[in-house]
Amino acid sequence: MGLQGYLALWCGAFGTVALVGYARSLTGTTPAQRAVRVMGRVERVREPRHGSSQRDGIPVVVSFQDPSTGQEFTVTNDSDHGERITAAWAGREIGVRYPRGRPHAYRFVGDLRAGRHGLGWPNFAVFLIYVGLVVFAAIDWSWPWALIGFGVPWTVSGVWYVPQNTRAANRRIDALTSQPPVQGRVIAVLTDTSSDADGDTYTSHTPVITFTTHQGTTVTAYCADELLDPANSYGRDVTIHYTPDDPAVFTSDLAAEHRSRPIDIALSVVALLLGVAAAAVGAALL
């Protein structure tokens, strides 16, 4: 079987997957579309135990209502129940998703709208078809087509992403500095140990802070990658800048936020120029 035959099999297989997936999405029969999605409410927040693991998230008690029966459920995030909750306060809304008729199989989700159409696998299948076509063009025609096949979609995505990223970074800084900071305290340091393939052991430390907003809301949250010497931060007082609309967005190092903004923007621009350069070089070499 020649290269064209393998390409036909590749495109046929993944094309079938894409068509079936899109057809199921149009008819509303994907598991994601059939799942029930509701907003739950955090009723209680428990402090993590000092020295425990960070894998389970902030311990919370959440209530939600099954819209089909009107029955109320009160659940916890013990064990594995979806996305890890890293910031919580009484009254915070948490997304809950579960199969229709099975509310006890609940999963916590950060964004109820994400993936609700069940298009993840069909879109991935289309991406694999595109990869197959680019590889075929690079082998059968000439290798500069690989540069064009990479550079064009990368540039298009970069043109969309760079302005979005810049505006998001500016909005974040503006929100963090829109009001005076508050005082927080490290109430626990969570410790996790892991080993690599060579048997070397690594230990990570995740401080947990609590702070009260100007509106009187007490927030408990992980404060990773911000505090100096996190292993010995237990009991430390910290200054917290947070966004008024969402206290889960906060920082204990505002100066680092200011430093990271131009770096993030510069990296985004460099990534965009990489795509432009790849497409231009590929076109020039044809």
C-alpha atoms as a PDB file:
ATOM      1  CA  MET A   1       0.000   0.000   0.000  1.00  0.00           C
ATOM      2  CA  GLY A   2       1.401   3.350  -1.025  1.00  0.00           C
ATOM      3  CA  LEU A   3       1.521   6.608   0.870  1.00  0.00           C
ATOM      4  CA  GLN A   4      -1.756   7.752  -0.651  1.00  0.00           C
ATOM      5  CA  GLY A   5      -3.459   4.559   0.530  1.00  0.00           C
ATOM      6  CA  TYR A   6      -2.284   5.072   4.104  1.00  0.00           C
ATOM      7  CA  LEU A   7      -3.424   8.688   3.933  1.00  0.00           C
ATOM      8  CA  ALA A   8      -6.854   7.574   2.722  1.00  0.00           C
ATOM      9  CA  LEU A   9      -7.165   5.081   5.584  1.00  0.00           C
ATOM     10  CA  TRP A  10      -6.011   7.702   8.085  1.00  0.00           C
ATOM     11  CA  CYS A  11      -8.446  10.342   6.842  1.00  0.00           C
ATOM     12  CA  GLY A  12     -11.265   7.818   6.460  1.00  0.00           C
ATOM     13  CA  ALA A  13     -10.917   6.487  10.001  1.00  0.00           C
ATOM     14  CA  PHE A  14     -10.697   9.834  11.716  1.00  0.00           C
ATOM     15  CA  GLY A  15     -13.222  11.366   9.338  1.00  0.00           C
ATOM     16  CA  THR A  16     -15.727   8.745  10.436  1.00  0.00           C
ATOM     17  CA  VAL A  17     -15.009   9.548  14.078  1.00  0.00           C
ATOM     18  CA  ALA A  18     -15.515  13.253  13.382  1.00  0.00           C
ATOM     19  CA  LEU A  19     -18.751  12.768  11.436  1.00  0.00           C
ATOM     20  CA  VAL A  20     -20.247  10.467  14.074  1.00  0.00           C
ATOM     21  CA  GLY A  21     -19.245  12.911  16.813  1.00  0.00           C
ATOM     22  CA  TYR A  22     -20.681  15.938  15.037  1.00  0.00           C
ATOM     23  CA  ALA A  23     -23.884  14.038  14.206  1.00  0.00           C
ATOM     24  CA  ARG A  24     -24.337  13.053  17.846  1.00  0.00           C
ATOM     25  CA  SER A  25     -23.716  16.635  18.913  1.00  0.00           C
ATOM     26  CA  LEU A  26     -26.305  17.957  16.456  1.00  0.00           C
ATOM     27  CA  THR A  27     -28.878  15.495  17.771  1.00  0.00           C
ATOM     28  CA  GLY A  28     -27.989  16.234  21.404  1.00  0.00           C
ATOM     29  CA  THR A  29     -27.034  12.645  22.250  1.00  0.00           C
ATOM     30  CA  THR A  30     -23.430  13.014  23.410  1.00  0.00           C
ATOM     31  CA  PRO A  31     -22.744  12.125  27.079  1.00  0.00           C
ATOM     32  CA  ALA A  32     -21.706  15.736  27.692  1.00  0.00           C
ATOM     33  CA  GLN A  33     -25.039  17.038  26.370  1.00  0.00           C
ATOM     34  CA  ARG A  34     -27.080  14.499  28.290  1.00  0.00           C
ATOM     35  CA  ALA A  35     -25.345  15.287  31.563  1.00  0.00           C
ATOM     36  CA  VAL A  36     -27.121  17.461  34.112  1.00  0.00           C
ATOM     37  CA  ARG A  37     -25.286  20.692  34.925  1.00  0.00           C
ATOM     38  CA  VAL A  38     -26.303  22.751  37.946  1.00  0.00           C
ATOM     39  CA  MET A  39     -24.756  25.323  40.225  1.00  0.00           C
ATOM     40  CA  GLY A  40     -24.027  24.191  43.749  1.00  0.00           C
ATOM     41  CA  ARG A  41     -23.357  26.353  46.770  1.00  0.00           C
ATOM     42  CA  VAL A  42     -20.579  25.977  49.330  1.00  0.00           C
ATOM     43  CA  GLU A  43     -22.238  25.649  52.735  1.00  0.00           C
ATOM     44  CA  ARG A  44     -19.165  25.073  54.900  1.00  0.00           C
ATOM     45  CA  VAL A  45     -15.409  25.233  54.499  1.00  0.00           C
ATOM     46  CA  ARG A  46     -13.088  23.152  56.645  1.00  0.00           C
ATOM     47  CA  GLU A  47      -9.445  23.995  57.210  1.00  0.00           C
ATOM     48  CA  PRO A  48      -7.017  21.509  55.668  1.00  0.00           C
ATOM     49  CA  ARG A  49      -4.902  19.653  58.178  1.00  0.00           C
ATOM     50  CA  HIS A  50      -1.339  20.947  58.434  1.00  0.00           C
ATOM     51  CA  GLY A  51       1.018  18.446  56.792  1.00  0.00           C
ATOM     52  CA  SER A  52      -1.681  16.656  54.774  1.00  0.00           C
ATOM     53  CA  SER A  53      -1.736  16.328  50.965  1.00  0.00           C
ATOM     54  CA  GLN A  54      -2.835  19.032  48.544  1.00  0.00           C
ATOM     55  CA  ARG A  55      -4.322  16.530  46.087  1.00  0.00           C
ATOM     56  CA  ASP A  56      -7.831  16.535  47.597  1.00  0.00           C
ATOM     57  CA  GLY A  57      -8.344  20.303  47.549  1.00  0.00           C
ATOM     58  CA  ILE A  58      -9.927  22.532  50.183  1.00  0.00           C
ATOM     59  CA  PRO A  59     -12.455  20.399  52.168  1.00  0.00           C
ATOM     60  CA  VAL A  60     -15.946  21.779  51.542  1.00  0.00           C
ATOM     61  CA  VAL A  61     -19.596  20.862  51.977  1.00  0.00           C
ATOM     62  CA  VAL A  62     -21.694  21.712  48.907  1.00  0.00           C
ATOM     63  CA  SER A  63     -25.456  21.655  48.378  1.00  0.00           C
ATOM     64  CA  PHE A  64     -27.234  21.461  45.022  1.00  0.00           C
ATOM     65  CA  GLN A  65     -30.700  20.688  43.696  1.00  0.00           C
ATOM     66  CA  ASP A  66     -31.595  18.094  41.069  1.00  0.00           C
ATOM     67  CA  PRO A  67     -33.788  20.054  38.606  1.00  0.00           C
ATOM     68  CA  SER A  68     -35.742  16.973  37.481  1.00  0.00           C
ATOM     69  CA  THR A  69     -36.945  15.984  40.971  1.00  0.00           C
ATOM     70  CA  GLY A  70     -36.370  19.126  43.029  1.00  0.00           C
ATOM     71  CA  GLN A  71     -34.495  17.034  45.619  1.00  0.00           C
ATOM     72  CA  GLU A  72     -31.713  18.744  47.540  1.00  0.00           C
ATOM     73  CA  PHE A  73     -28.345  17.041  47.969  1.00  0.00           C
ATOM     74  CA  THR A  74     -25.566  17.899  50.381  1.00  0.00           C
ATOM     75  CA  VAL A  75     -22.190  16.451  49.390  1.00  0.00           C
ATOM     76  CA  THR A  76     -18.475  16.822  50.040  1.00  0.00           C
ATOM     77  CA  ASN A  77     -15.390  16.781  47.841  1.00  0.00           C
ATOM     78  CA  ASP A  78     -13.801  13.862  49.691  1.00  0.00           C
ATOM     79  CA  SER A  79     -12.069  11.344  47.402  1.00  0.00           C
ATOM     80  CA  ASP A  80     -12.199  11.934  43.651  1.00  0.00           C
ATOM     81  CA  HIS A  81     -15.131  14.118  42.619  1.00  0.00           C
ATOM     82  CA  GLY A  82     -13.917  16.067  39.626  1.00  0.00           C
ATOM     83  CA  GLU A  83     -11.847  19.220  39.660  1.00  0.00           C
ATOM     84  CA  ARG A  84      -9.868  20.041  42.760  1.00  0.00           C
ATOM     85  CA  ILE A  85     -11.200  23.018  44.718  1.00  0.00           C
ATOM     86  CA  THR A  86      -8.279  25.309  45.534  1.00  0.00           C
ATOM     87  CA  ALA A  87     -10.225  28.343  46.805  1.00  0.00           C
ATOM     88  CA  ALA A  88     -13.472  28.310  48.746  1.00  0.00           C
ATOM     89  CA  TRP A  89     -15.719  30.400  50.949  1.00  0.00           C
ATOM     90  CA  ALA A  90     -19.227  30.018  52.322  1.00  0.00           C
ATOM     91  CA  GLY A  91     -21.693  30.973  49.601  1.00  0.00           C
ATOM     92  CA  ARG A  92     -19.371  30.438  46.673  1.00  0.00           C
ATOM     93  CA  GLU A  93     -21.040  28.857  43.642  1.00  0.00           C
ATOM     94  CA  ILE A  94     -19.487  25.631  42.369  1.00  0.00           C
ATOM     95  CA  GLY A  95     -20.405  23.880  39.128  1.00  0.00           C
ATOM     96  CA  VAL A  96     -21.766  20.339  39.528  1.00  0.00           C
ATOM     97  CA  ARG A  97     -22.206  17.834  36.680  1.00  0.00           C
ATOM     98  CA  TYR A  98     -23.610  14.314  36.780  1.00  0.00           C
ATOM     99  CA  PRO A  99     -25.288  11.745  34.482  1.00  0.00           C
ATOM    100  CA  ARG A 100     -29.036  12.192  34.138  1.00  0.00           C
ATOM    101  CA  GLY A 101     -30.826  10.440  36.994  1.00  0.00           C
ATOM    102  CA  ARG A 102     -27.592   9.777  38.923  1.00  0.00           C
ATOM    103  CA  PRO A 103     -26.917  12.815  41.138  1.00  0.00           C
ATOM    104  CA  HIS A 104     -24.785  10.685  43.464  1.00  0.00           C
ATOM    105  CA  ALA A 105     -22.237  10.392  40.619  1.00  0.00           C
ATOM    106  CA  TYR A 106     -21.585  14.135  40.844  1.00  0.00           C
ATOM    107  CA  ARG A 107     -18.410  15.827  39.644  1.00  0.00           C
ATOM    108  CA  PHE A 108     -17.285  19.356  40.484  1.00  0.00           C
ATOM    109  CA  VAL A 109     -16.404  21.494  37.451  1.00  0.00           C
ATOM    110  CA  GLY A 110     -14.928  24.959  37.271  1.00  0.00           C
ATOM    111  CA  ASP A 111     -16.816  26.002  34.132  1.00  0.00           C
ATOM    112  CA  LEU A 112     -20.246  24.513  33.443  1.00  0.00           C
ATOM    113  CA  ARG A 113     -20.177  25.741  29.838  1.00  0.00           C
ATOM    114  CA  ALA A 114     -16.900  24.056  28.919  1.00  0.00           C
ATOM    115  CA  GLY A 115     -17.324  20.905  26.842  1.00  0.00           C
ATOM    116  CA  ARG A 116     -21.106  20.979  27.041  1.00  0.00           C
ATOM    117  CA  HIS A 117     -21.504  20.149  23.322  1.00  0.00           C
ATOM    118  CA  GLY A 118     -19.296  17.056  23.410  1.00  0.00           C
ATOM    119  CA  LEU A 119     -17.107  18.236  20.516  1.00  0.00           C
ATOM    120  CA  GLY A 120     -13.726  17.442  22.059  1.00  0.00           C
ATOM    121  CA  TRP A 121     -13.102  14.109  20.298  1.00  0.00           C
ATOM    122  CA  PRO A 122     -14.583  15.149  16.909  1.00  0.00           C
ATOM    123  CA  ASN A 123     -12.440  18.293  16.879  1.00  0.00           C
ATOM    124  CA  PHE A 124      -9.371  16.260  17.805  1.00  0.00           C
ATOM    125  CA  ALA A 125     -10.147  13.847  14.947  1.00  0.00           C
ATOM    126  CA  VAL A 126     -10.276  16.779  12.501  1.00  0.00           C
ATOM    127  CA  PHE A 127      -6.932  17.975  13.860  1.00  0.00           C
ATOM    128  CA  LEU A 128      -5.412  14.528  13.209  1.00  0.00           C
ATOM    129  CA  ILE A 129      -6.765  14.609   9.636  1.00  0.00           C
ATOM    130  CA  TYR A 130      -5.046  17.964   9.145  1.00  0.00           C
ATOM    131  CA  VAL A 131      -1.794  16.563  10.552  1.00  0.00           C
ATOM    132  CA  GLY A 132      -2.025  13.637   8.121  1.00  0.00           C
ATOM    133  CA  LEU A 133      -2.509  15.986   5.163  1.00  0.00           C
ATOM    134  CA  VAL A 134       0.457  18.137   6.199  1.00  0.00           C
ATOM    135  CA  VAL A 135       2.705  15.094   6.608  1.00  0.00           C
ATOM    136  CA  PHE A 136       1.600  13.786   3.203  1.00  0.00           C
ATOM    137  CA  ALA A 137       2.308  17.154   1.559  1.00  0.00           C
ATOM    138  CA  ALA A 138       5.732  17.359   3.222  1.00  0.00           C
ATOM    139  CA  ILE A 139       6.722  13.850   2.069  1.00  0.00           C
ATOM    140  CA  ASP A 140       5.101  13.692  -1.353  1.00  0.00           C
ATOM    141  CA  TRP A 141       5.646  17.298  -2.460  1.00  0.00           C
ATOM    142  CA  SER A 142       8.447  18.938  -0.447  1.00  0.00           C
ATOM    143  CA  TRP A 143       9.366  19.455   3.168  1.00  0.00           C
ATOM    144  CA  PRO A 144       8.683  23.252   3.202  1.00  0.00           C
ATOM    145  CA  TRP A 145       4.985  22.328   3.216  1.00  0.00           C
ATOM    146  CA  ALA A 146       5.528  21.133   6.790  1.00  0.00           C
ATOM    147  CA  LEU A 147       6.621  24.656   7.741  1.00  0.00           C
ATOM    148  CA  ILE A 148       3.578  26.146   6.032  1.00  0.00           C
ATOM    149  CA  GLY A 149       1.256  23.563   7.572  1.00  0.00           C
ATOM    150  CA  PHE A 150       2.600  24.428  11.032  1.00  0.00           C
ATOM    151  CA  GLY A 151       3.057  28.166  10.584  1.00  0.00           C
ATOM    152  CA  VAL A 152      -0.317  29.161   9.113  1.00  0.00           C
ATOM    153  CA  PRO A 153      -2.636  27.741  11.841  1.00  0.00           C
ATOM    154  CA  TRP A 154      -0.136  28.732  14.545  1.00  0.00           C
ATOM    155  CA  THR A 155      -0.153  32.314  13.237  1.00  0.00           C
ATOM    156  CA  VAL A 156      -3.953  32.444  13.025  1.00  0.00           C
ATOM    157  CA  SER A 157      -4.305  31.211  16.597  1.00  0.00           C
ATOM    158  CA  GLY A 158      -1.628  33.663  17.731  1.00  0.00           C
ATOM    159  CA  VAL A 159      -3.370  36.612  16.100  1.00  0.00           C
ATOM    160  CA  TRP A 160      -6.448  35.727  18.135  1.00  0.00           C
ATOM    161  CA  TYR A 161      -4.609  34.843  21.371  1.00  0.00           C
ATOM    162  CA  VAL A 162      -2.113  37.720  21.761  1.00  0.00           C
ATOM    163  CA  PRO A 163      -4.695  40.552  22.051  1.00  0.00           C
ATOM    164  CA  GLN A 164      -6.890  38.399  24.282  1.00  0.00           C
ATOM    165  CA  ASN A 165      -3.945  37.591  26.561  1.00  0.00           C
ATOM    166  CA  THR A 166      -2.856  41.223  26.721  1.00  0.00           C
ATOM    167  CA  ARG A 167      -6.332  42.448  27.666  1.00  0.00           C
ATOM    168  CA  ALA A 168      -6.708  39.681  30.259  1.00  0.00           C
ATOM    169  CA  ALA A 169      -3.365  40.542  31.877  1.00  0.00           C
ATOM    170  CA  ASN A 170      -4.267  44.238  32.035  1.00  0.00           C
ATOM    171  CA  ARG A 171      -7.710  43.514  33.498  1.00  0.00           C
ATOM    172  CA  ARG A 172      -6.167  41.251  36.135  1.00  0.00           C
ATOM    173  CA  ILE A 173      -3.699  43.915  37.298  1.00  0.00           C
ATOM    174  CA  ASP A 174      -6.384  46.594  37.313  1.00  0.00           C
ATOM    175  CA  ALA A 175      -8.707  44.411  39.400  1.00  0.00           C
ATOM    176  CA  LEU A 176      -5.985  43.420  41.865  1.00  0.00           C
ATOM    177  CA  THR A 177      -5.079  47.067  42.488  1.00  0.00           C
ATOM    178  CA  SER A 178      -8.619  48.473  42.509  1.00  0.00           C
ATOM    179  CA  GLN A 179      -8.857  48.444  46.328  1.00  0.00           C
ATOM    180  CA  PRO A 180      -6.582  48.281  49.364  1.00  0.00           C
ATOM    181  CA  PRO A 181      -5.077  44.893  50.260  1.00  0.00           C
ATOM    182  CA  VAL A 182      -6.102  42.809  53.263  1.00  0.00           C
ATOM    183  CA  GLN A 183      -4.110  40.787  55.756  1.00  0.00           C
ATOM    184  CA  GLY A 184      -4.054  37.012  55.508  1.00  0.00           C
ATOM    185  CA  ARG A 185      -2.392  34.180  57.371  1.00  0.00           C
ATOM    186  CA  VAL A 186      -0.902  30.823  56.428  1.00  0.00           C
ATOM    187  CA  ILE A 187      -3.017  28.288  58.322  1.00  0.00           C
ATOM    188  CA  ALA A 188      -1.429  25.104  56.958  1.00  0.00           C
ATOM    189  CA  VAL A 189       1.367  23.850  54.739  1.00  0.00           C
ATOM    190  CA  LEU A 190       0.468  20.777  52.703  1.00  0.00           C
ATOM    191  CA  THR A 191       3.249  18.328  51.872  1.00  0.00           C
ATOM    192  CA  ASP A 192       3.452  15.837  49.014  1.00  0.00           C
ATOM    193  CA  THR A 193       6.279  13.468  48.159  1.00  0.00           C
ATOM    194  CA  SER A 194       6.821  11.844  44.771  1.00  0.00           C
ATOM    195  CA  SER A 195       9.523   9.777  43.079  1.00  0.00           C
ATOM    196  CA  ASP A 196      10.760   9.771  39.495  1.00  0.00           C
ATOM    197  CA  ALA A 197      11.850   6.841  37.342  1.00  0.00           C
ATOM    198  CA  ASP A 198      15.380   7.009  38.763  1.00  0.00           C
ATOM    199  CA  GLY A 199      14.131   6.661  42.314  1.00  0.00           C
ATOM    200  CA  ASP A 200      14.879  10.258  43.273  1.00  0.00           C
ATOM    201  CA  THR A 201      12.407  11.692  45.775  1.00  0.00           C
ATOM    202  CA  TYR A 202      10.891  15.166  45.494  1.00  0.00           C
ATOM    203  CA  THR A 203       8.893  17.009  48.130  1.00  0.00           C
ATOM    204  CA  SER A 204       6.518  19.881  47.365  1.00  0.00           C
ATOM    205  CA  HIS A 205       4.999  22.286  49.868  1.00  0.00           C
ATOM    206  CA  THR A 206       1.711  24.124  49.296  1.00  0.00           C
ATOM    207  CA  PRO A 207       0.793  26.880  51.770  1.00  0.00           C
ATOM    208  CA  VAL A 208      -2.895  27.376  52.550  1.00  0.00           C
ATOM    209  CA  ILE A 209      -3.944  30.899  53.453  1.00  0.00           C
ATOM    210  CA  THR A 210      -7.075  32.456  54.821  1.00  0.00           C
ATOM    211  CA  PHE A 211      -8.109  36.088  54.470  1.00  0.00           C
ATOM    212  CA  THR A 212     -11.260  38.144  54.923  1.00  0.00           C
ATOM    213  CA  THR A 213     -12.402  40.448  52.140  1.00  0.00           C
ATOM    214  CA  HIS A 214     -13.605  43.995  52.680  1.00  0.00           C
ATOM    215  CA  GLN A 215     -17.140  42.626  52.321  1.00  0.00           C
ATOM    216  CA  GLY A 216     -16.607  40.211  55.240  1.00  0.00           C
ATOM    217  CA  THR A 217     -16.156  36.992  53.226  1.00  0.00           C
ATOM    218  CA  THR A 218     -13.591  34.594  54.674  1.00  0.00           C
ATOM    219  CA  VAL A 219     -11.612  32.885  51.905  1.00  0.00           C
ATOM    220  CA  THR A 220      -9.500  29.750  52.269  1.00  0.00           C
ATOM    221  CA  ALA A 221      -7.185  29.030  49.360  1.00  0.00           C
ATOM    222  CA  TYR A 222      -3.974  27.435  48.171  1.00  0.00           C
ATOM    223  CA  CYS A 223      -1.153  29.949  47.731  1.00  0.00           C
ATOM    224  CA  ALA A 224       1.270  28.058  45.499  1.00  0.00           C
ATOM    225  CA  ASP A 225       4.439  29.440  43.869  1.00  0.00           C
ATOM    226  CA  GLU A 226       4.247  32.848  45.533  1.00  0.00           C
ATOM    227  CA  LEU A 227       5.532  32.676  49.096  1.00  0.00           C
ATOM    228  CA  LEU A 228       9.230  32.558  49.868  1.00  0.00           C
ATOM    229  CA  ASP A 229      10.350  29.437  51.741  1.00  0.00           C
ATOM    230  CA  PRO A 230       6.894  27.815  51.646  1.00  0.00           C
ATOM    231  CA  ALA A 231       7.995  24.834  53.756  1.00  0.00           C
ATOM    232  CA  ASN A 232       8.488  27.142  56.755  1.00  0.00           C
ATOM    233  CA  SER A 233       5.614  29.549  56.107  1.00  0.00           C
ATOM    234  CA  TYR A 234       3.138  28.035  58.607  1.00  0.00           C
ATOM    235  CA  GLY A 235       1.674  30.813  60.755  1.00  0.00           C
ATOM    236  CA  ARG A 236       3.120  33.592  58.602  1.00  0.00           C
ATOM    237  CA  ASP A 237       1.126  36.800  58.045  1.00  0.00           C
ATOM    238  CA  VAL A 238       0.802  37.798  54.384  1.00  0.00           C
ATOM    239  CA  THR A 239      -0.605  40.757  52.472  1.00  0.00           C
ATOM    240  CA  ILE A 240      -3.253  39.772  49.941  1.00  0.00           C
ATOM    241  CA  HIS A 241      -4.459  41.674  46.880  1.00  0.00           C
ATOM    242  CA  TYR A 242      -7.637  40.162  45.420  1.00  0.00           C
ATOM    243  CA  THR A 243     -10.181  40.973  42.726  1.00  0.00           C
ATOM    244  CA  PRO A 244     -13.496  42.253  44.124  1.00  0.00           C
ATOM    245  CA  ASP A 245     -15.642  40.195  41.734  1.00  0.00           C
ATOM    246  CA  ASP A 246     -13.829  36.911  42.401  1.00  0.00           C
ATOM    247  CA  PRO A 247     -11.712  36.540  45.565  1.00  0.00           C
ATOM    248  CA  ALA A 248     -10.324  33.277  44.136  1.00  0.00           C
ATOM    249  CA  VAL A 249      -8.134  35.523  41.960  1.00  0.00           C
ATOM    250  CA  PHE A 250      -5.544  36.936  44.342  1.00  0.00           C
ATOM    251  CA  THR A 251      -1.839  37.380  44.860  1.00  0.00           C
ATOM    252  CA  SER A 252       0.510  37.735  47.788  1.00  0.00           C
ATOM    253  CA  ASP A 253       3.211  39.243  45.542  1.00  0.00           C
ATOM    254  CA  LEU A 254       1.850  42.170  43.535  1.00  0.00           C
ATOM    255  CA  ALA A 255       5.314  43.142  42.339  1.00  0.00           C
ATOM    256  CA  ALA A 256       5.702  39.725  40.720  1.00  0.00           C
ATOM    257  CA  GLU A 257       2.379  40.250  38.930  1.00  0.00           C
ATOM    258  CA  HIS A 258       3.667  43.521  37.490  1.00  0.00           C
ATOM    259  CA  ARG A 259       6.937  41.848  36.421  1.00  0.00           C
ATOM    260  CA  SER A 260       5.222  38.876  34.800  1.00  0.00           C
ATOM    261  CA  ARG A 261       2.821  40.930  32.652  1.00  0.00           C
ATOM    262  CA  PRO A 262       5.385  42.245  30.111  1.00  0.00           C
ATOM    263  CA  ILE A 263       7.146  38.863  30.104  1.00  0.00           C
ATOM    264  CA  ASP A 264       3.903  37.030  29.291  1.00  0.00           C
ATOM    265  CA  ILE A 265       3.078  39.495  26.537  1.00  0.00           C
ATOM    266  CA  ALA A 266       6.593  39.262  25.095  1.00  0.00           C
ATOM    267  CA  LEU A 267       6.450  35.460  25.046  1.00  0.00           C
ATOM    268  CA  SER A 268       3.080  35.573  23.291  1.00  0.00           C
ATOM    269  CA  VAL A 269       4.466  37.915  20.625  1.00  0.00           C
ATOM    270  CA  VAL A 270       7.546  35.711  20.134  1.00  0.00           C
ATOM    271  CA  ALA A 271       5.301  32.665  19.688  1.00  0.00           C
ATOM    272  CA  LEU A 272       3.250  34.576  17.092  1.00  0.00           C
ATOM    273  CA  LEU A 273       6.388  35.621  15.198  1.00  0.00           C
ATOM    274  CA  LEU A 274       7.573  32.014  15.241  1.00  0.00           C
ATOM    275  CA  GLY A 275       4.469  30.984  13.316  1.00  0.00           C
ATOM    276  CA  VAL A 276       4.859  33.874  10.862  1.00  0.00           C
ATOM    277  CA  ALA A 277       8.508  33.006  10.299  1.00  0.00           C
ATOM    278  CA  ALA A 278       7.756  29.310   9.734  1.00  0.00           C
ATOM    279  CA  ALA A 279       5.075  30.089   7.151  1.00  0.00           C
ATOM    280  CA  ALA A 280       7.226  32.694   5.410  1.00  0.00           C
ATOM    281  CA  VAL A 281      10.305  30.453   5.204  1.00  0.00           C
ATOM    282  CA  GLY A 282       8.211  27.556   3.935  1.00  0.00           C
ATOM    283  CA  ALA A 283       6.617  29.693   1.227  1.00  0.00           C
ATOM    284  CA  ALA A 284      10.014  31.107   0.198  1.00  0.00           C
ATOM    285  CA  LEU A 285      11.532  27.629  -0.163  1.00  0.00           C
ATOM    286  CA  LEU A 286       8.792  26.232  -2.378  1.00  0.00           C
END
